[in-house]
């Protein structure tokens, strides 16, 4: 297995990611303790969401470090399916968590148990304020580490961190309102609103992760518009009569394209290399990254 030393920029990205993960672990422990102490539905819901997303973040950090050190080159088609499989599992966990949170909110309204105490909700609001600050610092650190270059694996985490930042800000308003409210019904309503918001965030993120993950695991082809754009660029360089097959599939954010050319249409190895370079340059103009494989063969086993 051939390794390499990560660049200074890659190390900076790893440090930013690792520090935010460490802060998330400490914050998650504090949130669980606050949820137990306060009895806040919002805190319990946010803690459950935090545990599931932290699993994904730790896995992504491992994947990021291994990629920067050339330890994943044995995967000739990239690590897209490895990432997406874990994302599907976490996505299912988020949907299960969503159902649990919604059920907890409904139970809170139909039972006679008193809502969380003002003191407990004040503690929860303070803990969430700390979490809001950590999310802001974490998002800014990742954004700074990826600024001016392709964020790569950090792109998903940047998006997730920004979503957590916005969610924490809204929860801060909800928890503060619940802590200040005097009427028990209002206290429960504000707390339930925060928990419901967390459930919506969990459900939306879970469905998104499952849909994107399955599209990669099942080798889903790109959209009709992108497929047509790829086909048009390929046939502009190679006559369609010389193409034995053209196959496309998604692999994470990358599109894998395999073009089979009739061996009678290319005379030399240099001719094949020139055709391949020309197609790659043409596909490079598309919005999505494309990995091209050029195959030279016969009509046997290929379909147009």
C-alpha atoms as a PDB file:
ATOM      1  CA  UNK A   1       0.000   0.000   0.000  1.00  0.00           C
ATOM      2  CA  UNK A   2       1.578   3.260  -1.127  1.00  0.00           C
ATOM      3  CA  UNK A   3       1.207   6.157   1.274  1.00  0.00           C
ATOM      4  CA  UNK A   4       2.005   9.840   1.071  1.00  0.00           C
ATOM      5  CA  UNK A   5       2.413  12.799   3.360  1.00  0.00           C
ATOM      6  CA  UNK A   6      -0.600  15.131   3.572  1.00  0.00           C
ATOM      7  CA  UNK A   7      -0.136  18.740   2.463  1.00  0.00           C
ATOM      8  CA  UNK A   8      -0.204  21.679   4.859  1.00  0.00           C
ATOM      9  CA  UNK A   9      -3.715  22.593   3.700  1.00  0.00           C
ATOM     10  CA  UNK A  10      -4.918  19.023   4.201  1.00  0.00           C
ATOM     11  CA  UNK A  11      -3.462  18.961   7.712  1.00  0.00           C
ATOM     12  CA  UNK A  12      -5.186  22.262   8.461  1.00  0.00           C
ATOM     13  CA  UNK A  13      -8.503  20.786   7.356  1.00  0.00           C
ATOM     14  CA  UNK A  14      -7.928  17.694   9.505  1.00  0.00           C
ATOM     15  CA  UNK A  15      -7.066  19.784  12.573  1.00  0.00           C
ATOM     16  CA  UNK A  16     -10.152  21.965  12.137  1.00  0.00           C
ATOM     17  CA  UNK A  17     -12.343  18.898  11.758  1.00  0.00           C
ATOM     18  CA  UNK A  18     -10.736  17.026  14.681  1.00  0.00           C
ATOM     19  CA  UNK A  19     -11.015  20.012  17.039  1.00  0.00           C
ATOM     20  CA  UNK A  20     -14.699  20.521  16.213  1.00  0.00           C
ATOM     21  CA  UNK A  21     -15.323  16.801  16.745  1.00  0.00           C
ATOM     22  CA  UNK A  22     -13.611  16.938  20.142  1.00  0.00           C
ATOM     23  CA  UNK A  23     -15.710  19.958  21.073  1.00  0.00           C
ATOM     24  CA  UNK A  24     -18.826  18.108  19.886  1.00  0.00           C
ATOM     25  CA  UNK A  25     -18.047  15.124  22.128  1.00  0.00           C
ATOM     26  CA  UNK A  26     -17.653  17.367  25.179  1.00  0.00           C
ATOM     27  CA  UNK A  27     -20.766  19.319  24.222  1.00  0.00           C
ATOM     28  CA  UNK A  28     -22.785  16.156  23.708  1.00  0.00           C
ATOM     29  CA  UNK A  29     -21.906  14.894  27.194  1.00  0.00           C
ATOM     30  CA  UNK A  30     -23.001  18.247  28.634  1.00  0.00           C
ATOM     31  CA  UNK A  31     -26.244  18.164  26.634  1.00  0.00           C
ATOM     32  CA  UNK A  32     -27.117  14.653  27.842  1.00  0.00           C
ATOM     33  CA  UNK A  33     -26.525  15.720  31.452  1.00  0.00           C
ATOM     34  CA  UNK A  34     -28.638  18.857  30.894  1.00  0.00           C
ATOM     35  CA  UNK A  35     -31.422  16.773  29.331  1.00  0.00           C
ATOM     36  CA  UNK A  36     -31.503  14.423  32.314  1.00  0.00           C
ATOM     37  CA  UNK A  37     -31.351  17.271  34.834  1.00  0.00           C
ATOM     38  CA  UNK A  38     -33.943  19.498  33.144  1.00  0.00           C
ATOM     39  CA  UNK A  39     -36.323  16.960  31.636  1.00  0.00           C
ATOM     40  CA  UNK A  40     -36.507  19.163  28.537  1.00  0.00           C
ATOM     41  CA  UNK A  41     -37.932  17.497  25.450  1.00  0.00           C
ATOM     42  CA  UNK A  42     -35.806  19.784  23.290  1.00  0.00           C
ATOM     43  CA  UNK A  43     -32.594  18.768  25.038  1.00  0.00           C
ATOM     44  CA  UNK A  44     -33.413  15.058  24.830  1.00  0.00           C
ATOM     45  CA  UNK A  45     -34.177  15.410  21.111  1.00  0.00           C
ATOM     46  CA  UNK A  46     -31.050  17.432  20.360  1.00  0.00           C
ATOM     47  CA  UNK A  47     -28.911  14.934  22.300  1.00  0.00           C
ATOM     48  CA  UNK A  48     -30.287  12.026  20.257  1.00  0.00           C
ATOM     49  CA  UNK A  49     -29.624  13.889  17.020  1.00  0.00           C
ATOM     50  CA  UNK A  50     -26.136  14.819  18.200  1.00  0.00           C
ATOM     51  CA  UNK A  51     -25.169  11.206  18.929  1.00  0.00           C
ATOM     52  CA  UNK A  52     -26.184  10.009  15.460  1.00  0.00           C
ATOM     53  CA  UNK A  53     -24.487  12.857  13.599  1.00  0.00           C
ATOM     54  CA  UNK A  54     -21.331  12.513  15.701  1.00  0.00           C
ATOM     55  CA  UNK A  55     -20.987   8.912  14.493  1.00  0.00           C
ATOM     56  CA  UNK A  56     -21.004  10.172  10.917  1.00  0.00           C
ATOM     57  CA  UNK A  57     -18.533  12.973  11.705  1.00  0.00           C
ATOM     58  CA  UNK A  58     -16.017  10.620  13.347  1.00  0.00           C
ATOM     59  CA  UNK A  59     -16.270   8.228  10.409  1.00  0.00           C
ATOM     60  CA  UNK A  60     -15.786  11.087   7.937  1.00  0.00           C
ATOM     61  CA  UNK A  61     -12.702  12.265   9.858  1.00  0.00           C
ATOM     62  CA  UNK A  62     -11.194   8.779   9.612  1.00  0.00           C
ATOM     63  CA  UNK A  63     -11.995   8.678   5.901  1.00  0.00           C
ATOM     64  CA  UNK A  64     -10.509  12.152   5.409  1.00  0.00           C
ATOM     65  CA  UNK A  65      -7.236  11.253   7.141  1.00  0.00           C
ATOM     66  CA  UNK A  66      -6.925   7.956   5.268  1.00  0.00           C
ATOM     67  CA  UNK A  67      -7.578   9.682   1.938  1.00  0.00           C
ATOM     68  CA  UNK A  68      -4.962  12.376   2.608  1.00  0.00           C
ATOM     69  CA  UNK A  69      -2.370   9.678   3.361  1.00  0.00           C
ATOM     70  CA  UNK A  70      -3.050   7.611   0.254  1.00  0.00           C
ATOM     71  CA  UNK A  71      -4.376   4.651   2.257  1.00  0.00           C
ATOM     72  CA  UNK A  72      -7.508   4.193   0.157  1.00  0.00           C
ATOM     73  CA  UNK A  73      -5.945   3.898  -3.302  1.00  0.00           C
ATOM     74  CA  UNK A  74      -6.791   0.181  -3.362  1.00  0.00           C
ATOM     75  CA  UNK A  75     -10.392   1.231  -3.991  1.00  0.00           C
ATOM     76  CA  UNK A  76     -10.070   1.766  -7.721  1.00  0.00           C
ATOM     77  CA  UNK A  77     -13.522   3.329  -8.022  1.00  0.00           C
ATOM     78  CA  UNK A  78     -13.052   5.619  -5.045  1.00  0.00           C
ATOM     79  CA  UNK A  79     -14.598   5.470  -1.589  1.00  0.00           C
ATOM     80  CA  UNK A  80     -18.045   6.733  -2.576  1.00  0.00           C
ATOM     81  CA  UNK A  81     -19.856   3.516  -1.673  1.00  0.00           C
ATOM     82  CA  UNK A  82     -18.071   3.255   1.688  1.00  0.00           C
ATOM     83  CA  UNK A  83     -19.242   6.747   2.607  1.00  0.00           C
ATOM     84  CA  UNK A  84     -22.772   6.301   1.343  1.00  0.00           C
ATOM     85  CA  UNK A  85     -23.316   2.962   3.120  1.00  0.00           C
ATOM     86  CA  UNK A  86     -22.549   4.554   6.485  1.00  0.00           C
ATOM     87  CA  UNK A  87     -24.670   7.567   5.588  1.00  0.00           C
ATOM     88  CA  UNK A  88     -27.652   5.283   4.834  1.00  0.00           C
ATOM     89  CA  UNK A  89     -27.266   3.572   8.230  1.00  0.00           C
ATOM     90  CA  UNK A  90     -27.061   6.922  10.050  1.00  0.00           C
ATOM     91  CA  UNK A  91     -29.985   8.207   7.970  1.00  0.00           C
ATOM     92  CA  UNK A  92     -32.134   5.281   9.120  1.00  0.00           C
ATOM     93  CA  UNK A  93     -31.098   6.065  12.689  1.00  0.00           C
ATOM     94  CA  UNK A  94     -32.188   9.680  12.223  1.00  0.00           C
ATOM     95  CA  UNK A  95     -35.611   8.583  10.962  1.00  0.00           C
ATOM     96  CA  UNK A  96     -36.031   6.258  13.937  1.00  0.00           C
ATOM     97  CA  UNK A  97     -35.000   9.159  16.182  1.00  0.00           C
ATOM     98  CA  UNK A  98     -37.585  11.365  14.490  1.00  0.00           C
ATOM     99  CA  UNK A  99     -40.363   8.902  15.271  1.00  0.00           C
ATOM    100  CA  UNK A 100     -39.181   8.673  18.900  1.00  0.00           C
ATOM    101  CA  UNK A 101     -39.134  12.458  19.321  1.00  0.00           C
ATOM    102  CA  UNK A 102     -42.593  12.933  17.803  1.00  0.00           C
ATOM    103  CA  UNK A 103     -43.968  10.181  20.032  1.00  0.00           C
ATOM    104  CA  UNK A 104     -42.371  11.818  23.090  1.00  0.00           C
ATOM    105  CA  UNK A 105     -43.942  15.187  22.232  1.00  0.00           C
ATOM    106  CA  UNK A 106     -47.396  13.630  21.780  1.00  0.00           C
ATOM    107  CA  UNK A 107     -47.073  11.711  25.053  1.00  0.00           C
ATOM    108  CA  UNK A 108     -46.111  14.905  26.890  1.00  0.00           C
ATOM    109  CA  UNK A 109     -49.404  16.546  25.892  1.00  0.00           C
ATOM    110  CA  UNK A 110     -51.658  13.603  26.763  1.00  0.00           C
ATOM    111  CA  UNK A 111     -50.090  12.706  30.131  1.00  0.00           C
ATOM    112  CA  UNK A 112     -50.519  14.618  33.369  1.00  0.00           C
ATOM    113  CA  UNK A 113     -46.805  14.887  34.069  1.00  0.00           C
ATOM    114  CA  UNK A 114     -45.652  18.473  34.750  1.00  0.00           C
ATOM    115  CA  UNK A 115     -43.432  20.177  32.141  1.00  0.00           C
ATOM    116  CA  UNK A 116     -39.749  20.826  32.714  1.00  0.00           C
ATOM    117  CA  UNK A 117     -39.058  23.283  35.546  1.00  0.00           C
ATOM    118  CA  UNK A 118     -38.016  26.896  34.785  1.00  0.00           C
ATOM    119  CA  UNK A 119     -34.650  26.227  36.460  1.00  0.00           C
ATOM    120  CA  UNK A 120     -34.109  23.105  34.389  1.00  0.00           C
ATOM    121  CA  UNK A 121     -35.030  24.925  31.194  1.00  0.00           C
ATOM    122  CA  UNK A 122     -32.686  27.783  32.138  1.00  0.00           C
ATOM    123  CA  UNK A 123     -29.863  25.252  32.419  1.00  0.00           C
ATOM    124  CA  UNK A 124     -30.877  23.778  29.061  1.00  0.00           C
ATOM    125  CA  UNK A 125     -30.891  27.244  27.484  1.00  0.00           C
ATOM    126  CA  UNK A 126     -27.393  27.975  28.836  1.00  0.00           C
ATOM    127  CA  UNK A 127     -26.090  24.637  27.527  1.00  0.00           C
ATOM    128  CA  UNK A 128     -27.651  25.289  24.122  1.00  0.00           C
ATOM    129  CA  UNK A 129     -26.058  28.761  24.050  1.00  0.00           C
ATOM    130  CA  UNK A 130     -22.657  27.095  24.539  1.00  0.00           C
ATOM    131  CA  UNK A 131     -23.526  24.640  21.762  1.00  0.00           C
ATOM    132  CA  UNK A 132     -24.502  27.555  19.517  1.00  0.00           C
ATOM    133  CA  UNK A 133     -21.098  29.137  20.105  1.00  0.00           C
ATOM    134  CA  UNK A 134     -19.277  25.877  19.375  1.00  0.00           C
ATOM    135  CA  UNK A 135     -21.258  25.378  16.168  1.00  0.00           C
ATOM    136  CA  UNK A 136     -20.385  28.912  15.074  1.00  0.00           C
ATOM    137  CA  UNK A 137     -16.671  28.447  15.821  1.00  0.00           C
ATOM    138  CA  UNK A 138     -16.649  24.971  14.227  1.00  0.00           C
ATOM    139  CA  UNK A 139     -18.348  26.160  11.055  1.00  0.00           C
ATOM    140  CA  UNK A 140     -15.976  29.137  10.744  1.00  0.00           C
ATOM    141  CA  UNK A 141     -12.909  26.921  11.327  1.00  0.00           C
ATOM    142  CA  UNK A 142     -13.956  24.456   8.607  1.00  0.00           C
ATOM    143  CA  UNK A 143     -14.886  27.267   6.238  1.00  0.00           C
ATOM    144  CA  UNK A 144     -11.480  28.912   6.763  1.00  0.00           C
ATOM    145  CA  UNK A 145      -9.638  25.597   6.252  1.00  0.00           C
ATOM    146  CA  UNK A 146     -11.403  24.935   2.924  1.00  0.00           C
ATOM    147  CA  UNK A 147     -11.455  28.513   1.616  1.00  0.00           C
ATOM    148  CA  UNK A 148      -9.791  28.962  -1.772  1.00  0.00           C
ATOM    149  CA  UNK A 149      -9.745  25.254  -2.663  1.00  0.00           C
ATOM    150  CA  UNK A 150     -12.038  22.312  -3.313  1.00  0.00           C
ATOM    151  CA  UNK A 151     -13.423  21.341   0.120  1.00  0.00           C
ATOM    152  CA  UNK A 152     -13.713  17.670  -0.895  1.00  0.00           C
ATOM    153  CA  UNK A 153     -14.930  15.525   1.996  1.00  0.00           C
ATOM    154  CA  UNK A 154     -15.277  18.650   4.145  1.00  0.00           C
ATOM    155  CA  UNK A 155     -18.056  19.962   1.886  1.00  0.00           C
ATOM    156  CA  UNK A 156     -20.705  17.742   3.462  1.00  0.00           C
ATOM    157  CA  UNK A 157     -19.534  18.626   6.952  1.00  0.00           C
ATOM    158  CA  UNK A 158     -19.604  22.336   6.151  1.00  0.00           C
ATOM    159  CA  UNK A 159     -23.211  22.001   5.073  1.00  0.00           C
ATOM    160  CA  UNK A 160     -24.110  19.917   8.131  1.00  0.00           C
ATOM    161  CA  UNK A 161     -22.347  22.326  10.487  1.00  0.00           C
ATOM    162  CA  UNK A 162     -24.174  25.303   9.009  1.00  0.00           C
ATOM    163  CA  UNK A 163     -27.479  23.456   9.421  1.00  0.00           C
ATOM    164  CA  UNK A 164     -26.633  22.745  13.065  1.00  0.00           C
ATOM    165  CA  UNK A 165     -25.727  26.407  13.541  1.00  0.00           C
ATOM    166  CA  UNK A 166     -29.089  27.605  12.241  1.00  0.00           C
ATOM    167  CA  UNK A 167     -30.947  24.942  14.234  1.00  0.00           C
ATOM    168  CA  UNK A 168     -29.145  25.877  17.461  1.00  0.00           C
ATOM    169  CA  UNK A 169     -30.016  29.539  16.961  1.00  0.00           C
ATOM    170  CA  UNK A 170     -33.732  28.738  16.594  1.00  0.00           C
ATOM    171  CA  UNK A 171     -33.632  26.354  19.560  1.00  0.00           C
ATOM    172  CA  UNK A 172     -32.059  29.102  21.653  1.00  0.00           C
ATOM    173  CA  UNK A 173     -35.138  31.257  21.111  1.00  0.00           C
ATOM    174  CA  UNK A 174     -37.467  28.342  21.921  1.00  0.00           C
ATOM    175  CA  UNK A 175     -35.643  27.284  25.109  1.00  0.00           C
ATOM    176  CA  UNK A 176     -35.304  30.862  26.345  1.00  0.00           C
ATOM    177  CA  UNK A 177     -39.029  31.459  25.815  1.00  0.00           C
ATOM    178  CA  UNK A 178     -39.846  28.222  27.657  1.00  0.00           C
ATOM    179  CA  UNK A 179     -37.586  29.174  30.588  1.00  0.00           C
ATOM    180  CA  UNK A 180     -39.209  32.631  30.900  1.00  0.00           C
ATOM    181  CA  UNK A 181     -42.811  31.479  30.527  1.00  0.00           C
ATOM    182  CA  UNK A 182     -44.911  31.286  33.696  1.00  0.00           C
ATOM    183  CA  UNK A 183     -47.893  29.300  32.457  1.00  0.00           C
ATOM    184  CA  UNK A 184     -47.174  25.511  32.493  1.00  0.00           C
ATOM    185  CA  UNK A 185     -49.047  25.138  29.186  1.00  0.00           C
ATOM    186  CA  UNK A 186     -46.834  27.761  27.547  1.00  0.00           C
ATOM    187  CA  UNK A 187     -43.728  26.131  29.026  1.00  0.00           C
ATOM    188  CA  UNK A 188     -44.695  22.776  27.524  1.00  0.00           C
ATOM    189  CA  UNK A 189     -45.687  24.384  24.205  1.00  0.00           C
ATOM    190  CA  UNK A 190     -42.379  26.201  23.755  1.00  0.00           C
ATOM    191  CA  UNK A 191     -40.384  23.132  24.804  1.00  0.00           C
ATOM    192  CA  UNK A 192     -42.434  20.903  22.488  1.00  0.00           C
ATOM    193  CA  UNK A 193     -41.918  23.390  19.648  1.00  0.00           C
ATOM    194  CA  UNK A 194     -38.145  23.074  20.035  1.00  0.00           C
ATOM    195  CA  UNK A 195     -38.353  19.278  20.120  1.00  0.00           C
ATOM    196  CA  UNK A 196     -40.595  19.253  17.036  1.00  0.00           C
ATOM    197  CA  UNK A 197     -38.118  21.469  15.191  1.00  0.00           C
ATOM    198  CA  UNK A 198     -35.335  19.016  16.022  1.00  0.00           C
ATOM    199  CA  UNK A 199     -37.535  16.169  14.766  1.00  0.00           C
ATOM    200  CA  UNK A 200     -38.082  17.982  11.459  1.00  0.00           C
ATOM    201  CA  UNK A 201     -34.337  18.559  11.082  1.00  0.00           C
ATOM    202  CA  UNK A 202     -33.636  14.908  11.880  1.00  0.00           C
ATOM    203  CA  UNK A 203     -36.252  13.650   9.443  1.00  0.00           C
ATOM    204  CA  UNK A 204     -35.144  15.925   6.622  1.00  0.00           C
ATOM    205  CA  UNK A 205     -31.471  15.038   7.098  1.00  0.00           C
ATOM    206  CA  UNK A 206     -32.227  11.333   7.444  1.00  0.00           C
ATOM    207  CA  UNK A 207     -34.295  11.150   4.252  1.00  0.00           C
ATOM    208  CA  UNK A 208     -31.677  13.143   2.345  1.00  0.00           C
ATOM    209  CA  UNK A 209     -28.869  10.830   3.496  1.00  0.00           C
ATOM    210  CA  UNK A 210     -30.834   7.680   2.633  1.00  0.00           C
ATOM    211  CA  UNK A 211     -31.859   8.893  -0.837  1.00  0.00           C
ATOM    212  CA  UNK A 212     -28.350  10.061  -1.757  1.00  0.00           C
ATOM    213  CA  UNK A 213     -26.758   6.945  -0.306  1.00  0.00           C
ATOM    214  CA  UNK A 214     -29.054   4.530  -2.122  1.00  0.00           C
ATOM    215  CA  UNK A 215     -28.518   6.341  -5.439  1.00  0.00           C
ATOM    216  CA  UNK A 216     -24.809   5.546  -5.166  1.00  0.00           C
ATOM    217  CA  UNK A 217     -25.161   2.020  -3.769  1.00  0.00           C
ATOM    218  CA  UNK A 218     -27.612   1.073  -6.532  1.00  0.00           C
ATOM    219  CA  UNK A 219     -25.464   2.643  -9.291  1.00  0.00           C
ATOM    220  CA  UNK A 220     -28.174   5.101 -10.213  1.00  0.00           C
ATOM    221  CA  UNK A 221     -27.445   6.867 -13.509  1.00  0.00           C
ATOM    222  CA  UNK A 222     -27.128  10.673 -13.565  1.00  0.00           C
ATOM    223  CA  UNK A 223     -30.126  12.849 -14.403  1.00  0.00           C
ATOM    224  CA  UNK A 224     -31.514  12.750 -17.934  1.00  0.00           C
ATOM    225  CA  UNK A 225     -30.150  16.240 -18.671  1.00  0.00           C
ATOM    226  CA  UNK A 226     -26.635  15.386 -17.450  1.00  0.00           C
ATOM    227  CA  UNK A 227     -26.684  12.020 -19.253  1.00  0.00           C
ATOM    228  CA  UNK A 228     -27.625  13.757 -22.496  1.00  0.00           C
ATOM    229  CA  UNK A 229     -24.896  16.374 -21.997  1.00  0.00           C
ATOM    230  CA  UNK A 230     -22.282  13.645 -21.484  1.00  0.00           C
ATOM    231  CA  UNK A 231     -23.516  11.684 -24.517  1.00  0.00           C
ATOM    232  CA  UNK A 232     -23.462  14.827 -26.678  1.00  0.00           C
ATOM    233  CA  UNK A 233     -19.867  15.652 -25.747  1.00  0.00           C
ATOM    234  CA  UNK A 234     -18.713  12.073 -26.353  1.00  0.00           C
ATOM    235  CA  UNK A 235     -20.455  11.733 -29.737  1.00  0.00           C
ATOM    236  CA  UNK A 236     -19.074  15.121 -30.825  1.00  0.00           C
ATOM    237  CA  UNK A 237     -15.605  13.546 -30.626  1.00  0.00           C
ATOM    238  CA  UNK A 238     -16.318   9.918 -31.517  1.00  0.00           C
ATOM    239  CA  UNK A 239     -18.874   9.112 -34.233  1.00  0.00           C
ATOM    240  CA  UNK A 240     -21.839   7.307 -32.777  1.00  0.00           C
ATOM    241  CA  UNK A 241     -21.346   4.493 -35.288  1.00  0.00           C
ATOM    242  CA  UNK A 242     -17.958   3.746 -33.631  1.00  0.00           C
ATOM    243  CA  UNK A 243     -19.378   3.603 -30.093  1.00  0.00           C
ATOM    244  CA  UNK A 244     -20.205   0.080 -28.913  1.00  0.00           C
ATOM    245  CA  UNK A 245     -21.526   1.134 -25.518  1.00  0.00           C
ATOM    246  CA  UNK A 246     -21.840   4.131 -23.227  1.00  0.00           C
ATOM    247  CA  UNK A 247     -22.528   3.495 -19.549  1.00  0.00           C
ATOM    248  CA  UNK A 248     -22.855   5.989 -16.696  1.00  0.00           C
ATOM    249  CA  UNK A 249     -23.352   5.674 -12.946  1.00  0.00           C
ATOM    250  CA  UNK A 250     -23.123   7.845  -9.886  1.00  0.00           C
ATOM    251  CA  UNK A 251     -20.471   7.339  -7.204  1.00  0.00           C
ATOM    252  CA  UNK A 252     -21.085   9.958  -4.534  1.00  0.00           C
ATOM    253  CA  UNK A 253     -20.647  13.323  -6.232  1.00  0.00           C
ATOM    254  CA  UNK A 254     -18.663  11.779  -9.089  1.00  0.00           C
ATOM    255  CA  UNK A 255     -20.043  10.408 -12.351  1.00  0.00           C
ATOM    256  CA  UNK A 256     -18.319   7.302 -13.720  1.00  0.00           C
ATOM    257  CA  UNK A 257     -18.492   7.093 -17.512  1.00  0.00           C
ATOM    258  CA  UNK A 258     -17.406   4.085 -19.548  1.00  0.00           C
ATOM    259  CA  UNK A 259     -17.160   4.440 -23.334  1.00  0.00           C
ATOM    260  CA  UNK A 260     -16.564   1.339 -25.449  1.00  0.00           C
ATOM    261  CA  UNK A 261     -15.118   2.032 -28.905  1.00  0.00           C
ATOM    262  CA  UNK A 262     -14.966  -0.364 -31.813  1.00  0.00           C
ATOM    263  CA  UNK A 263     -11.359  -1.502 -32.207  1.00  0.00           C
ATOM    264  CA  UNK A 264     -11.567  -0.971 -35.967  1.00  0.00           C
ATOM    265  CA  UNK A 265     -12.091   2.784 -35.399  1.00  0.00           C
ATOM    266  CA  UNK A 266      -8.715   3.354 -33.685  1.00  0.00           C
ATOM    267  CA  UNK A 267      -5.437   2.530 -35.386  1.00  0.00           C
ATOM    268  CA  UNK A 268      -2.738   3.060 -32.724  1.00  0.00           C
ATOM    269  CA  UNK A 269      -2.265   3.321 -28.974  1.00  0.00           C
ATOM    270  CA  UNK A 270      -1.459   7.014 -29.440  1.00  0.00           C
ATOM    271  CA  UNK A 271      -4.754   7.468 -31.265  1.00  0.00           C
ATOM    272  CA  UNK A 272      -6.589   5.899 -28.301  1.00  0.00           C
ATOM    273  CA  UNK A 273      -4.749   8.143 -25.828  1.00  0.00           C
ATOM    274  CA  UNK A 274      -5.549  11.253 -27.866  1.00  0.00           C
ATOM    275  CA  UNK A 275      -9.236  10.343 -28.053  1.00  0.00           C
ATOM    276  CA  UNK A 276      -9.308   9.727 -24.301  1.00  0.00           C
ATOM    277  CA  UNK A 277      -7.632  13.073 -23.487  1.00  0.00           C
ATOM    278  CA  UNK A 278      -9.967  14.965 -25.805  1.00  0.00           C
ATOM    279  CA  UNK A 279     -13.062  13.418 -24.220  1.00  0.00           C
ATOM    280  CA  UNK A 280     -11.767  14.149 -20.706  1.00  0.00           C
ATOM    281  CA  UNK A 281     -11.171  17.790 -21.592  1.00  0.00           C
ATOM    282  CA  UNK A 282     -14.687  18.056 -23.006  1.00  0.00           C
ATOM    283  CA  UNK A 283     -16.287  16.429 -19.950  1.00  0.00           C
ATOM    284  CA  UNK A 284     -14.240  18.663 -17.645  1.00  0.00           C
ATOM    285  CA  UNK A 285     -16.497  21.577 -18.638  1.00  0.00           C
ATOM    286  CA  UNK A 286     -19.512  19.927 -16.956  1.00  0.00           C
ATOM    287  CA  UNK A 287     -20.601  20.952 -13.473  1.00  0.00           C
ATOM    288  CA  UNK A 288     -20.188  17.426 -12.048  1.00  0.00           C
ATOM    289  CA  UNK A 289     -16.754  15.709 -11.810  1.00  0.00           C
ATOM    290  CA  UNK A 290     -16.505  12.847 -14.296  1.00  0.00           C
ATOM    291  CA  UNK A 291     -14.237   9.784 -14.180  1.00  0.00           C
ATOM    292  CA  UNK A 292     -13.770   8.446 -17.737  1.00  0.00           C
ATOM    293  CA  UNK A 293     -12.841   4.925 -18.797  1.00  0.00           C
ATOM    294  CA  UNK A 294     -12.221   4.259 -22.485  1.00  0.00           C
ATOM    295  CA  UNK A 295     -12.562   0.628 -23.572  1.00  0.00           C
ATOM    296  CA  UNK A 296     -11.528  -0.713 -26.954  1.00  0.00           C
ATOM    297  CA  UNK A 297     -13.222  -3.917 -28.013  1.00  0.00           C
ATOM    298  CA  UNK A 298     -15.466  -5.707 -30.470  1.00  0.00           C
ATOM    299  CA  UNK A 299     -19.211  -5.684 -30.952  1.00  0.00           C
ATOM    300  CA  UNK A 300     -19.553  -8.910 -28.950  1.00  0.00           C
ATOM    301  CA  UNK A 301     -21.188  -8.268 -25.587  1.00  0.00           C
ATOM    302  CA  UNK A 302     -21.928  -4.594 -26.216  1.00  0.00           C
ATOM    303  CA  UNK A 303     -25.208  -2.896 -26.922  1.00  0.00           C
ATOM    304  CA  UNK A 304     -25.734   0.600 -28.234  1.00  0.00           C
END
